[in-house]
Amino acid sequence: MAALTRRSDYTVAEQLFAQPYEFEYYQSIRIMAALRPESKPFGETENPKDDPIQIQSRIGYATPASDIHSIFPNKYYDRPPIMTINFLGIAGVQGPLPQPYTDLIAERLRHKDTAFRDFLDIFNHRLASFWYRFQKKHLPGLEMVPAEKTSVGQAILDLAGLVDINIEETLNVHSRSILHFTPLFWQRQRNAAGLKKLLESYFKVKIRLEEFRGAWRKAPPEDWTRIGGRGQHQHLGQSTLLGRRSWDEAAGVALHLVGLSWRQYLSHLPGGHGNDAFRSLIRFYSGLDRTFDLRGTIKRHEIPSSTMKTGFKLGQTTWLTRGQGHGFDQDPEVLLMRDTG
């Protein structure tokens, strides 16, 4: 757009009416549809009066320089604005009608007679609306619904196995944002590299992933060894279990969020949106009942001083140091979550 001549307080709609030649046809239709949300989708109405905009075709011989020639409010206040387009007309330099018809329309317009032009505009309006519908079908970005609600968005979510779940409630993330990561979800083999890529891309943080963290796992009572006539699991070297727990060398993983700003750190504290979203995404992606620790390293120079006025949480936002963040010998690492499955 003409940035040098545009007022900073212009709305997009005002810019469209003032300089329509700066806009593309499809972009203009979307803006006008947004201004009239009560209208039906453009090109899907039985009566053109129900469309968010009325289309006219410019009659002339000059080669058009833009899609839109002009946009004016309708003199009938209950009717939509009138958009004059430079393409897709029945008459004119690009139209299928022979040139004498264009000459006749131009002559009648010089005598303030618009009847012939208005008659052709009935078909021009329908033709332009069908053209928009055709483009919208093949360009999902033109649809007026959220990306995840379009037919293409639903197909992508279906491939990832996400179409039948409420993403925002189950994963604590926005439905649209997860579309970008669907290739990671439809892969049969889930791995640490995919998990790291998913979390780093979504949360915009650097992550160091530590695998094969061992932990004790409690054995269920039905796996315990009991001696006697009614005992169980008594075959040495085969089924005997000494004790009620066992060591699993690959029990879980640890995720370290590196170089968090203070604001990022607060969002990942227990109870924060980032904390809940981390747990949900890790569990959904991995599909395993592994334990994991989530730890965050804070940039020490961003840690503010704690005061009684601002409030604090011991061990989470407040530590005993020698000053504002500089009491730490290095950036402190804090346990944000421990999920045992």
C-alpha atoms as a PDB file:
ATOM      1  CA  MET A   1       0.000   0.000   0.000  1.00  0.00           C
ATOM      2  CA  ALA A   2       0.998   3.639  -0.284  1.00  0.00           C
ATOM      3  CA  ALA A   3       2.674   3.902   3.090  1.00  0.00           C
ATOM      4  CA  LEU A   4       3.817   7.489   2.568  1.00  0.00           C
ATOM      5  CA  THR A   5       0.309   8.834   1.978  1.00  0.00           C
ATOM      6  CA  ARG A   6      -1.599   6.658   4.396  1.00  0.00           C
ATOM      7  CA  ARG A   7      -2.639   8.099   7.737  1.00  0.00           C
ATOM      8  CA  SER A   8      -1.546   6.061  10.722  1.00  0.00           C
ATOM      9  CA  ASP A   9      -5.107   6.107  12.069  1.00  0.00           C
ATOM     10  CA  TYR A  10      -6.671   4.732   8.851  1.00  0.00           C
ATOM     11  CA  THR A  11      -8.568   1.499   9.179  1.00  0.00           C
ATOM     12  CA  VAL A  12      -8.217  -1.104   6.450  1.00  0.00           C
ATOM     13  CA  ALA A  13     -11.812  -0.445   5.369  1.00  0.00           C
ATOM     14  CA  GLU A  14     -11.164   3.305   5.071  1.00  0.00           C
ATOM     15  CA  GLN A  15      -8.052   2.581   3.040  1.00  0.00           C
ATOM     16  CA  LEU A  16     -10.072   0.317   0.748  1.00  0.00           C
ATOM     17  CA  PHE A  17     -12.657   3.018   0.037  1.00  0.00           C
ATOM     18  CA  ALA A  18     -10.003   5.727  -0.378  1.00  0.00           C
ATOM     19  CA  GLN A  19      -7.528   3.782  -2.527  1.00  0.00           C
ATOM     20  CA  PRO A  20      -9.263   0.673  -3.898  1.00  0.00           C
ATOM     21  CA  TYR A  21      -6.658   0.245  -6.630  1.00  0.00           C
ATOM     22  CA  GLU A  22      -4.180  -0.807  -3.932  1.00  0.00           C
ATOM     23  CA  PHE A  23      -6.198  -3.943  -3.161  1.00  0.00           C
ATOM     24  CA  GLU A  24      -6.745  -7.220  -4.952  1.00  0.00           C
ATOM     25  CA  TYR A  25     -10.237  -8.413  -5.793  1.00  0.00           C
ATOM     26  CA  TYR A  26     -10.257 -11.348  -3.359  1.00  0.00           C
ATOM     27  CA  GLN A  27      -8.802  -9.242  -0.571  1.00  0.00           C
ATOM     28  CA  SER A  28     -11.469  -6.591  -1.097  1.00  0.00           C
ATOM     29  CA  ILE A  29     -14.286  -9.144  -0.930  1.00  0.00           C
ATOM     30  CA  ARG A  30     -12.973 -10.498   2.381  1.00  0.00           C
ATOM     31  CA  ILE A  31     -12.826  -6.998   3.863  1.00  0.00           C
ATOM     32  CA  MET A  32     -16.344  -6.136   2.730  1.00  0.00           C
ATOM     33  CA  ALA A  33     -17.668  -9.450   4.043  1.00  0.00           C
ATOM     34  CA  ALA A  34     -16.090  -8.707   7.426  1.00  0.00           C
ATOM     35  CA  LEU A  35     -17.846  -5.308   7.478  1.00  0.00           C
ATOM     36  CA  ARG A  36     -21.216  -7.000   6.949  1.00  0.00           C
ATOM     37  CA  PRO A  37     -21.090 -10.135   9.124  1.00  0.00           C
ATOM     38  CA  GLU A  38     -24.868 -10.494   8.926  1.00  0.00           C
ATOM     39  CA  SER A  39     -24.626 -11.114   5.168  1.00  0.00           C
ATOM     40  CA  LYS A  40     -24.420 -14.576   3.678  1.00  0.00           C
ATOM     41  CA  PRO A  41     -21.132 -15.729   2.080  1.00  0.00           C
ATOM     42  CA  PHE A  42     -20.468 -13.877  -1.158  1.00  0.00           C
ATOM     43  CA  GLY A  43     -21.644 -15.826  -4.189  1.00  0.00           C
ATOM     44  CA  GLU A  44     -23.739 -18.293  -2.181  1.00  0.00           C
ATOM     45  CA  THR A  45     -26.960 -16.276  -2.046  1.00  0.00           C
ATOM     46  CA  GLU A  46     -30.095 -16.610  -4.147  1.00  0.00           C
ATOM     47  CA  ASN A  47     -30.709 -12.862  -4.176  1.00  0.00           C
ATOM     48  CA  PRO A  48     -27.769 -10.546  -5.001  1.00  0.00           C
ATOM     49  CA  LYS A  49     -29.182  -8.023  -2.516  1.00  0.00           C
ATOM     50  CA  ASP A  50     -28.092 -10.395   0.254  1.00  0.00           C
ATOM     51  CA  ASP A  51     -24.453 -10.280  -0.838  1.00  0.00           C
ATOM     52  CA  PRO A  52     -22.057  -8.081   1.175  1.00  0.00           C
ATOM     53  CA  ILE A  53     -21.180  -6.087  -1.949  1.00  0.00           C
ATOM     54  CA  GLN A  54     -22.651  -5.289  -5.366  1.00  0.00           C
ATOM     55  CA  ILE A  55     -20.384  -5.805  -8.374  1.00  0.00           C
ATOM     56  CA  GLN A  56     -20.319  -3.654 -11.509  1.00  0.00           C
ATOM     57  CA  SER A  57     -17.957  -3.957 -14.454  1.00  0.00           C
ATOM     58  CA  ARG A  58     -16.162  -0.933 -15.859  1.00  0.00           C
ATOM     59  CA  ILE A  59     -16.848  -0.276 -19.528  1.00  0.00           C
ATOM     60  CA  GLY A  60     -13.866   0.980 -21.500  1.00  0.00           C
ATOM     61  CA  TYR A  61     -11.038   0.197 -23.897  1.00  0.00           C
ATOM     62  CA  ALA A  62      -8.034   0.940 -21.714  1.00  0.00           C
ATOM     63  CA  THR A  63      -5.950  -1.918 -20.346  1.00  0.00           C
ATOM     64  CA  PRO A  64      -6.688  -2.094 -16.592  1.00  0.00           C
ATOM     65  CA  ALA A  65      -3.867  -1.456 -14.132  1.00  0.00           C
ATOM     66  CA  SER A  66      -5.586  -2.970 -11.102  1.00  0.00           C
ATOM     67  CA  ASP A  67      -8.428  -5.283 -10.123  1.00  0.00           C
ATOM     68  CA  ILE A  68     -10.595  -2.600  -8.526  1.00  0.00           C
ATOM     69  CA  HIS A  69     -11.585   0.682 -10.143  1.00  0.00           C
ATOM     70  CA  SER A  70     -13.746   2.160  -7.381  1.00  0.00           C
ATOM     71  CA  ILE A  71     -15.900   1.408  -4.339  1.00  0.00           C
ATOM     72  CA  PHE A  72     -18.761   3.674  -3.311  1.00  0.00           C
ATOM     73  CA  PRO A  73     -21.569   3.426  -0.756  1.00  0.00           C
ATOM     74  CA  ASN A  74     -24.921   2.565  -2.297  1.00  0.00           C
ATOM     75  CA  LYS A  75     -27.418   5.422  -2.604  1.00  0.00           C
ATOM     76  CA  TYR A  76     -29.960   3.009  -1.178  1.00  0.00           C
ATOM     77  CA  TYR A  77     -28.858   2.719   2.427  1.00  0.00           C
ATOM     78  CA  ASP A  78     -30.229  -0.801   2.850  1.00  0.00           C
ATOM     79  CA  ARG A  79     -28.148  -2.045  -0.081  1.00  0.00           C
ATOM     80  CA  PRO A  80     -24.474  -3.096  -0.009  1.00  0.00           C
ATOM     81  CA  PRO A  81     -21.697  -0.845  -1.381  1.00  0.00           C
ATOM     82  CA  ILE A  82     -20.958  -0.902  -5.106  1.00  0.00           C
ATOM     83  CA  MET A  83     -17.584  -2.162  -6.336  1.00  0.00           C
ATOM     84  CA  THR A  84     -16.561  -1.476  -9.926  1.00  0.00           C
ATOM     85  CA  ILE A  85     -14.050  -4.017 -11.188  1.00  0.00           C
ATOM     86  CA  ASN A  86     -11.662  -3.774 -14.133  1.00  0.00           C
ATOM     87  CA  PHE A  87     -11.897  -7.405 -15.214  1.00  0.00           C
ATOM     88  CA  LEU A  88     -14.385 -10.185 -15.904  1.00  0.00           C
ATOM     89  CA  GLY A  89     -16.989  -8.031 -17.640  1.00  0.00           C
ATOM     90  CA  ILE A  90     -19.291  -9.119 -20.445  1.00  0.00           C
ATOM     91  CA  ALA A  91     -18.605  -5.923 -22.381  1.00  0.00           C
ATOM     92  CA  GLY A  92     -15.442  -3.867 -22.679  1.00  0.00           C
ATOM     93  CA  VAL A  93     -11.898  -4.595 -23.772  1.00  0.00           C
ATOM     94  CA  GLN A  94     -11.838  -8.010 -22.057  1.00  0.00           C
ATOM     95  CA  GLY A  95     -15.469  -9.001 -22.613  1.00  0.00           C
ATOM     96  CA  PRO A  96     -16.859 -11.486 -25.140  1.00  0.00           C
ATOM     97  CA  LEU A  97     -19.418  -9.046 -26.620  1.00  0.00           C
ATOM     98  CA  PRO A  98     -18.471  -7.458 -29.962  1.00  0.00           C
ATOM     99  CA  GLN A  99     -17.089  -3.920 -29.848  1.00  0.00           C
ATOM    100  CA  PRO A 100     -20.281  -2.263 -31.200  1.00  0.00           C
ATOM    101  CA  TYR A 101     -22.057  -3.226 -27.982  1.00  0.00           C
ATOM    102  CA  THR A 102     -19.359  -1.523 -25.937  1.00  0.00           C
ATOM    103  CA  ASP A 103     -19.685   1.557 -28.158  1.00  0.00           C
ATOM    104  CA  LEU A 104     -23.452   1.542 -27.624  1.00  0.00           C
ATOM    105  CA  ILE A 105     -23.091   1.322 -23.831  1.00  0.00           C
ATOM    106  CA  ALA A 106     -20.543   4.154 -23.807  1.00  0.00           C
ATOM    107  CA  GLU A 107     -22.857   6.324 -25.910  1.00  0.00           C
ATOM    108  CA  ARG A 108     -25.851   5.673 -23.659  1.00  0.00           C
ATOM    109  CA  LEU A 109     -23.748   6.485 -20.572  1.00  0.00           C
ATOM    110  CA  ARG A 110     -22.849   9.860 -22.102  1.00  0.00           C
ATOM    111  CA  HIS A 111     -26.599  10.546 -22.186  1.00  0.00           C
ATOM    112  CA  LYS A 112     -26.991   9.460 -18.530  1.00  0.00           C
ATOM    113  CA  ASP A 113     -28.774   6.293 -19.618  1.00  0.00           C
ATOM    114  CA  THR A 114     -27.482   3.370 -17.543  1.00  0.00           C
ATOM    115  CA  ALA A 115     -30.201   0.839 -18.394  1.00  0.00           C
ATOM    116  CA  PHE A 116     -28.115  -1.311 -20.756  1.00  0.00           C
ATOM    117  CA  ARG A 117     -25.090  -1.264 -18.467  1.00  0.00           C
ATOM    118  CA  ASP A 118     -27.208  -2.118 -15.418  1.00  0.00           C
ATOM    119  CA  PHE A 119     -28.758  -5.017 -17.296  1.00  0.00           C
ATOM    120  CA  LEU A 120     -25.337  -6.474 -18.098  1.00  0.00           C
ATOM    121  CA  ASP A 121     -24.204  -5.901 -14.512  1.00  0.00           C
ATOM    122  CA  ILE A 122     -26.819  -8.406 -13.359  1.00  0.00           C
ATOM    123  CA  PHE A 123     -24.737 -11.051 -15.111  1.00  0.00           C
ATOM    124  CA  ASN A 124     -21.421  -9.390 -14.258  1.00  0.00           C
ATOM    125  CA  HIS A 125     -22.258  -9.589 -10.562  1.00  0.00           C
ATOM    126  CA  ARG A 126     -23.132 -13.274 -10.780  1.00  0.00           C
ATOM    127  CA  LEU A 127     -20.084 -14.028 -12.891  1.00  0.00           C
ATOM    128  CA  ALA A 128     -17.771 -12.241 -10.439  1.00  0.00           C
ATOM    129  CA  SER A 129     -19.343 -14.002  -7.454  1.00  0.00           C
ATOM    130  CA  PHE A 130     -18.942 -17.415  -9.096  1.00  0.00           C
ATOM    131  CA  TRP A 131     -15.325 -16.568  -9.870  1.00  0.00           C
ATOM    132  CA  TYR A 132     -14.746 -15.798  -6.202  1.00  0.00           C
ATOM    133  CA  ARG A 133     -16.439 -19.061  -5.161  1.00  0.00           C
ATOM    134  CA  PHE A 134     -14.242 -20.981  -7.583  1.00  0.00           C
ATOM    135  CA  GLN A 135     -11.086 -19.399  -6.187  1.00  0.00           C
ATOM    136  CA  LYS A 136     -12.231 -19.929  -2.589  1.00  0.00           C
ATOM    137  CA  LYS A 137     -12.716 -23.619  -3.256  1.00  0.00           C
ATOM    138  CA  HIS A 138      -9.127 -24.034  -4.418  1.00  0.00           C
ATOM    139  CA  LEU A 139      -7.534 -21.427  -2.123  1.00  0.00           C
ATOM    140  CA  PRO A 140      -8.542 -22.262   1.478  1.00  0.00           C
ATOM    141  CA  GLY A 141      -7.043 -18.991   2.710  1.00  0.00           C
ATOM    142  CA  LEU A 142      -9.991 -17.122   1.180  1.00  0.00           C
ATOM    143  CA  GLU A 143     -12.544 -18.852   3.397  1.00  0.00           C
ATOM    144  CA  MET A 144     -14.062 -16.793   6.201  1.00  0.00           C
ATOM    145  CA  VAL A 145     -13.789 -19.592   8.773  1.00  0.00           C
ATOM    146  CA  PRO A 146     -10.715 -20.376  10.921  1.00  0.00           C
ATOM    147  CA  ALA A 147      -8.006 -22.365   9.155  1.00  0.00           C
ATOM    148  CA  GLU A 148      -8.593 -25.467  11.252  1.00  0.00           C
ATOM    149  CA  LYS A 149     -12.309 -25.437  10.321  1.00  0.00           C
ATOM    150  CA  THR A 150     -11.772 -25.447   6.555  1.00  0.00           C
ATOM    151  CA  SER A 151     -12.057 -28.654   4.550  1.00  0.00           C
ATOM    152  CA  VAL A 152      -8.292 -28.719   4.046  1.00  0.00           C
ATOM    153  CA  GLY A 153      -7.648 -28.028   7.731  1.00  0.00           C
ATOM    154  CA  GLN A 154      -9.979 -30.839   8.762  1.00  0.00           C
ATOM    155  CA  ALA A 155      -8.247 -33.229   6.343  1.00  0.00           C
ATOM    156  CA  ILE A 156      -4.833 -32.348   7.783  1.00  0.00           C
ATOM    157  CA  LEU A 157      -6.046 -32.855  11.351  1.00  0.00           C
ATOM    158  CA  ASP A 158      -7.614 -36.151  10.316  1.00  0.00           C
ATOM    159  CA  LEU A 159      -4.284 -37.400   8.968  1.00  0.00           C
ATOM    160  CA  ALA A 160      -2.700 -36.589  12.326  1.00  0.00           C
ATOM    161  CA  GLY A 161      -5.480 -38.267  14.297  1.00  0.00           C
ATOM    162  CA  LEU A 162      -6.590 -34.959  15.792  1.00  0.00           C
ATOM    163  CA  VAL A 163      -9.930 -34.354  14.102  1.00  0.00           C
ATOM    164  CA  ASP A 164     -12.032 -36.215  16.684  1.00  0.00           C
ATOM    165  CA  ILE A 165     -10.621 -34.566  19.798  1.00  0.00           C
ATOM    166  CA  ASN A 166     -11.091 -31.134  21.289  1.00  0.00           C
ATOM    167  CA  ILE A 167      -7.549 -29.851  20.817  1.00  0.00           C
ATOM    168  CA  GLU A 168      -7.880 -26.794  23.017  1.00  0.00           C
ATOM    169  CA  GLU A 169      -9.242 -28.787  25.957  1.00  0.00           C
ATOM    170  CA  THR A 170      -7.157 -31.935  25.520  1.00  0.00           C
ATOM    171  CA  LEU A 171      -3.802 -30.388  24.603  1.00  0.00           C
ATOM    172  CA  ASN A 172      -4.231 -26.885  26.096  1.00  0.00           C
ATOM    173  CA  VAL A 173      -3.056 -25.343  22.815  1.00  0.00           C
ATOM    174  CA  HIS A 174      -4.817 -23.408  20.060  1.00  0.00           C
ATOM    175  CA  SER A 175      -6.252 -25.532  17.262  1.00  0.00           C
ATOM    176  CA  ARG A 176      -4.771 -23.387  14.500  1.00  0.00           C
ATOM    177  CA  SER A 177      -1.252 -23.478  15.920  1.00  0.00           C
ATOM    178  CA  ILE A 178      -1.167 -27.280  15.909  1.00  0.00           C
ATOM    179  CA  LEU A 179      -1.771 -27.480  12.130  1.00  0.00           C
ATOM    180  CA  HIS A 180       1.873 -26.647  11.499  1.00  0.00           C
ATOM    181  CA  PHE A 181       3.017 -29.702  13.447  1.00  0.00           C
ATOM    182  CA  THR A 182       0.713 -32.360  12.009  1.00  0.00           C
ATOM    183  CA  PRO A 183       3.576 -34.035  10.034  1.00  0.00           C
ATOM    184  CA  LEU A 184       5.164 -34.875  13.382  1.00  0.00           C
ATOM    185  CA  PHE A 185       1.968 -36.469  14.678  1.00  0.00           C
ATOM    186  CA  TRP A 186       1.190 -38.717  11.713  1.00  0.00           C
ATOM    187  CA  GLN A 187       4.644 -40.319  11.762  1.00  0.00           C
ATOM    188  CA  ARG A 188       4.363 -43.841  13.110  1.00  0.00           C
ATOM    189  CA  GLN A 189       7.746 -43.692  14.830  1.00  0.00           C
ATOM    190  CA  ARG A 190       7.800 -41.053  17.561  1.00  0.00           C
ATOM    191  CA  ASN A 191      11.297 -40.098  18.669  1.00  0.00           C
ATOM    192  CA  ALA A 192      13.178 -37.642  20.844  1.00  0.00           C
ATOM    193  CA  ALA A 193      14.165 -35.485  17.859  1.00  0.00           C
ATOM    194  CA  GLY A 194      10.516 -35.041  16.881  1.00  0.00           C
ATOM    195  CA  LEU A 195       9.516 -34.202  20.452  1.00  0.00           C
ATOM    196  CA  LYS A 196      12.305 -31.636  20.727  1.00  0.00           C
ATOM    197  CA  LYS A 197      11.354 -30.039  17.398  1.00  0.00           C
ATOM    198  CA  LEU A 198       7.676 -29.876  18.384  1.00  0.00           C
ATOM    199  CA  LEU A 199       8.300 -28.223  21.744  1.00  0.00           C
ATOM    200  CA  GLU A 200      10.988 -25.809  20.534  1.00  0.00           C
ATOM    201  CA  SER A 201       8.898 -24.641  17.584  1.00  0.00           C
ATOM    202  CA  TYR A 202       5.678 -24.234  19.543  1.00  0.00           C
ATOM    203  CA  PHE A 203       7.056 -22.570  22.688  1.00  0.00           C
ATOM    204  CA  LYS A 204       9.880 -20.649  20.958  1.00  0.00           C
ATOM    205  CA  VAL A 205      12.465 -21.769  23.516  1.00  0.00           C
ATOM    206  CA  LYS A 206      15.723 -23.685  23.284  1.00  0.00           C
ATOM    207  CA  ILE A 207      15.455 -27.162  24.793  1.00  0.00           C
ATOM    208  CA  ARG A 208      18.115 -29.627  25.885  1.00  0.00           C
ATOM    209  CA  LEU A 209      16.648 -33.123  26.066  1.00  0.00           C
ATOM    210  CA  GLU A 210      18.230 -35.713  28.344  1.00  0.00           C
ATOM    211  CA  GLU A 211      17.191 -39.298  27.600  1.00  0.00           C
ATOM    212  CA  PHE A 212      17.507 -42.555  29.536  1.00  0.00           C
ATOM    213  CA  ARG A 213      17.000 -41.225  33.023  1.00  0.00           C
ATOM    214  CA  GLY A 214      16.623 -44.199  35.329  1.00  0.00           C
ATOM    215  CA  ALA A 215      14.034 -44.450  38.092  1.00  0.00           C
ATOM    216  CA  TRP A 216      12.537 -46.973  40.469  1.00  0.00           C
ATOM    217  CA  ARG A 217       9.266 -48.480  39.347  1.00  0.00           C
ATOM    218  CA  LYS A 218       6.870 -50.028  41.836  1.00  0.00           C
ATOM    219  CA  ALA A 219       5.782 -53.546  40.976  1.00  0.00           C
ATOM    220  CA  PRO A 220       2.047 -54.268  41.200  1.00  0.00           C
ATOM    221  CA  PRO A 221       1.007 -56.869  43.844  1.00  0.00           C
ATOM    222  CA  GLU A 222       0.227 -59.461  41.175  1.00  0.00           C
ATOM    223  CA  ASP A 223       3.927 -59.443  40.200  1.00  0.00           C
ATOM    224  CA  TRP A 224       5.292 -59.952  43.722  1.00  0.00           C
ATOM    225  CA  THR A 225       7.030 -63.202  44.640  1.00  0.00           C
ATOM    226  CA  ARG A 226       5.276 -65.216  47.345  1.00  0.00           C
ATOM    227  CA  ILE A 227       6.494 -68.492  48.794  1.00  0.00           C
ATOM    228  CA  GLY A 228       4.406 -71.391  50.015  1.00  0.00           C
ATOM    229  CA  GLY A 229       1.780 -73.623  48.535  1.00  0.00           C
ATOM    230  CA  ARG A 230      -0.299 -70.686  47.394  1.00  0.00           C
ATOM    231  CA  GLY A 231       2.681 -68.616  46.375  1.00  0.00           C
ATOM    232  CA  GLN A 232       3.510 -67.192  42.952  1.00  0.00           C
ATOM    233  CA  HIS A 233       6.517 -66.301  40.827  1.00  0.00           C
ATOM    234  CA  GLN A 234       8.836 -68.727  42.654  1.00  0.00           C
ATOM    235  CA  HIS A 235      11.112 -69.856  39.775  1.00  0.00           C
ATOM    236  CA  LEU A 236      14.602 -68.469  40.371  1.00  0.00           C
ATOM    237  CA  GLY A 237      16.060 -66.738  37.362  1.00  0.00           C
ATOM    238  CA  GLN A 238      12.729 -66.745  35.549  1.00  0.00           C
ATOM    239  CA  SER A 239       9.957 -65.041  37.462  1.00  0.00           C
ATOM    240  CA  THR A 240      11.296 -64.305  40.926  1.00  0.00           C
ATOM    241  CA  LEU A 241      11.239 -60.667  41.940  1.00  0.00           C
ATOM    242  CA  LEU A 242      13.196 -59.659  45.028  1.00  0.00           C
ATOM    243  CA  GLY A 243      11.510 -56.633  46.565  1.00  0.00           C
ATOM    244  CA  ARG A 244       8.555 -54.560  45.497  1.00  0.00           C
ATOM    245  CA  ARG A 245      10.220 -52.307  42.988  1.00  0.00           C
ATOM    246  CA  SER A 246      12.663 -52.537  40.093  1.00  0.00           C
ATOM    247  CA  TRP A 247      15.137 -50.192  38.441  1.00  0.00           C
ATOM    248  CA  ASP A 248      14.257 -49.003  34.937  1.00  0.00           C
ATOM    249  CA  GLU A 249      17.206 -47.453  33.123  1.00  0.00           C
ATOM    250  CA  ALA A 250      14.939 -45.830  30.524  1.00  0.00           C
ATOM    251  CA  ALA A 251      12.160 -44.756  32.853  1.00  0.00           C
ATOM    252  CA  GLY A 252      11.936 -41.199  31.605  1.00  0.00           C
ATOM    253  CA  VAL A 253      13.490 -38.089  30.164  1.00  0.00           C
ATOM    254  CA  ALA A 254      14.422 -34.638  31.373  1.00  0.00           C
ATOM    255  CA  LEU A 255      13.729 -31.486  29.400  1.00  0.00           C
ATOM    256  CA  HIS A 256      15.783 -28.403  30.160  1.00  0.00           C
ATOM    257  CA  LEU A 257      14.458 -25.049  28.933  1.00  0.00           C
ATOM    258  CA  VAL A 258      17.592 -23.020  28.314  1.00  0.00           C
ATOM    259  CA  GLY A 259      17.924 -19.239  28.611  1.00  0.00           C
ATOM    260  CA  LEU A 260      14.391 -18.337  29.678  1.00  0.00           C
ATOM    261  CA  SER A 261      13.466 -14.710  30.077  1.00  0.00           C
ATOM    262  CA  TRP A 262      11.660 -13.842  33.299  1.00  0.00           C
ATOM    263  CA  ARG A 263       8.369 -13.553  31.453  1.00  0.00           C
ATOM    264  CA  GLN A 264       8.815 -16.942  29.786  1.00  0.00           C
ATOM    265  CA  TYR A 265       9.735 -18.503  33.108  1.00  0.00           C
ATOM    266  CA  LEU A 266       6.573 -17.236  34.802  1.00  0.00           C
ATOM    267  CA  SER A 267       4.367 -18.716  32.061  1.00  0.00           C
ATOM    268  CA  HIS A 268       5.908 -22.156  32.637  1.00  0.00           C
ATOM    269  CA  LEU A 269       5.449 -22.213  36.405  1.00  0.00           C
ATOM    270  CA  PRO A 270       2.929 -24.727  37.812  1.00  0.00           C
ATOM    271  CA  GLY A 271      -0.571 -23.467  37.106  1.00  0.00           C
ATOM    272  CA  GLY A 272       0.531 -21.458  34.074  1.00  0.00           C
ATOM    273  CA  HIS A 273      -0.635 -22.093  30.525  1.00  0.00           C
ATOM    274  CA  GLY A 274       2.842 -23.068  29.372  1.00  0.00           C
ATOM    275  CA  ASN A 275       3.167 -25.680  32.108  1.00  0.00           C
ATOM    276  CA  ASP A 276      -0.149 -27.359  31.257  1.00  0.00           C
ATOM    277  CA  ALA A 277       0.532 -27.227  27.513  1.00  0.00           C
ATOM    278  CA  PHE A 278       3.966 -28.815  27.980  1.00  0.00           C
ATOM    279  CA  ARG A 279       2.502 -31.745  29.890  1.00  0.00           C
ATOM    280  CA  SER A 280      -0.316 -32.287  27.385  1.00  0.00           C
ATOM    281  CA  LEU A 281       1.881 -32.120  24.278  1.00  0.00           C
ATOM    282  CA  ILE A 282       4.551 -34.414  25.726  1.00  0.00           C
ATOM    283  CA  ARG A 283       1.998 -37.010  26.795  1.00  0.00           C
ATOM    284  CA  PHE A 284       0.066 -36.871  23.528  1.00  0.00           C
ATOM    285  CA  TYR A 285       3.132 -37.015  21.304  1.00  0.00           C
ATOM    286  CA  SER A 286       5.078 -39.699  23.149  1.00  0.00           C
ATOM    287  CA  GLY A 287       2.105 -41.917  24.003  1.00  0.00           C
ATOM    288  CA  LEU A 288       4.206 -43.592  26.706  1.00  0.00           C
ATOM    289  CA  ASP A 289       3.825 -43.763  30.451  1.00  0.00           C
ATOM    290  CA  ARG A 290       7.327 -42.460  31.003  1.00  0.00           C
ATOM    291  CA  THR A 291       8.266 -40.049  33.724  1.00  0.00           C
ATOM    292  CA  PHE A 292       9.710 -36.697  32.772  1.00  0.00           C
ATOM    293  CA  ASP A 293      11.129 -33.668  34.501  1.00  0.00           C
ATOM    294  CA  LEU A 294      10.724 -30.164  33.148  1.00  0.00           C
ATOM    295  CA  ARG A 295      13.395 -27.741  34.280  1.00  0.00           C
ATOM    296  CA  GLY A 296      13.999 -24.143  33.329  1.00  0.00           C
ATOM    297  CA  THR A 297      17.201 -22.112  33.339  1.00  0.00           C
ATOM    298  CA  ILE A 298      16.551 -18.407  33.945  1.00  0.00           C
ATOM    299  CA  LYS A 299      18.738 -15.576  32.728  1.00  0.00           C
ATOM    300  CA  ARG A 300      19.952 -14.305  36.075  1.00  0.00           C
ATOM    301  CA  HIS A 301      20.203 -10.665  34.992  1.00  0.00           C
ATOM    302  CA  GLU A 302      16.420 -10.675  34.370  1.00  0.00           C
ATOM    303  CA  ILE A 303      15.457 -11.879  37.846  1.00  0.00           C
ATOM    304  CA  PRO A 304      13.814  -8.934  39.661  1.00  0.00           C
ATOM    305  CA  SER A 305      14.085  -8.134  43.330  1.00  0.00           C
ATOM    306  CA  SER A 306      11.329  -9.515  45.544  1.00  0.00           C
ATOM    307  CA  THR A 307       9.283  -7.160  47.687  1.00  0.00           C
ATOM    308  CA  MET A 308       6.334  -7.627  49.998  1.00  0.00           C
ATOM    309  CA  LYS A 309       4.367  -5.310  47.750  1.00  0.00           C
ATOM    310  CA  THR A 310       4.754  -7.356  44.562  1.00  0.00           C
ATOM    311  CA  GLY A 311       4.335 -10.739  46.220  1.00  0.00           C
ATOM    312  CA  PHE A 312       6.524 -13.795  45.816  1.00  0.00           C
ATOM    313  CA  LYS A 313       6.634 -17.593  45.912  1.00  0.00           C
ATOM    314  CA  LEU A 314       9.484 -19.167  47.811  1.00  0.00           C
ATOM    315  CA  GLY A 315      11.515 -21.481  45.628  1.00  0.00           C
ATOM    316  CA  GLN A 316       9.748 -20.317  42.462  1.00  0.00           C
ATOM    317  CA  THR A 317      10.095 -16.549  42.207  1.00  0.00           C
ATOM    318  CA  THR A 318      12.149 -15.778  45.312  1.00  0.00           C
ATOM    319  CA  TRP A 319      15.581 -16.925  46.461  1.00  0.00           C
ATOM    320  CA  LEU A 320      18.023 -15.657  49.089  1.00  0.00           C
ATOM    321  CA  THR A 321      20.892 -14.050  47.168  1.00  0.00           C
ATOM    322  CA  ARG A 322      23.194 -11.078  47.415  1.00  0.00           C
ATOM    323  CA  GLY A 323      21.327  -8.903  44.946  1.00  0.00           C
ATOM    324  CA  GLN A 324      19.083  -8.608  41.917  1.00  0.00           C
ATOM    325  CA  GLY A 325      19.882 -11.809  40.096  1.00  0.00           C
ATOM    326  CA  HIS A 326      23.616 -11.311  40.551  1.00  0.00           C
ATOM    327  CA  GLY A 327      23.698 -13.360  43.739  1.00  0.00           C
ATOM    328  CA  PHE A 328      23.729 -16.464  41.536  1.00  0.00           C
ATOM    329  CA  ASP A 329      27.092 -17.717  40.363  1.00  0.00           C
ATOM    330  CA  GLN A 330      25.355 -18.878  37.191  1.00  0.00           C
ATOM    331  CA  ASP A 331      21.889 -18.854  35.653  1.00  0.00           C
ATOM    332  CA  PRO A 332      19.699 -20.774  38.136  1.00  0.00           C
ATOM    333  CA  GLU A 333      17.843 -23.909  37.076  1.00  0.00           C
ATOM    334  CA  VAL A 334      14.442 -24.553  38.636  1.00  0.00           C
ATOM    335  CA  LEU A 335      12.281 -27.681  38.591  1.00  0.00           C
ATOM    336  CA  LEU A 336       9.036 -26.680  36.870  1.00  0.00           C
ATOM    337  CA  MET A 337       7.290 -30.048  36.710  1.00  0.00           C
ATOM    338  CA  ARG A 338       7.797 -33.695  37.583  1.00  0.00           C
ATOM    339  CA  ASP A 339       5.297 -35.965  35.924  1.00  0.00           C
ATOM    340  CA  THR A 340       5.411 -39.622  36.911  1.00  0.00           C
ATOM    341  CA  GLY A 341       2.736 -40.711  34.442  1.00  0.00           C
END
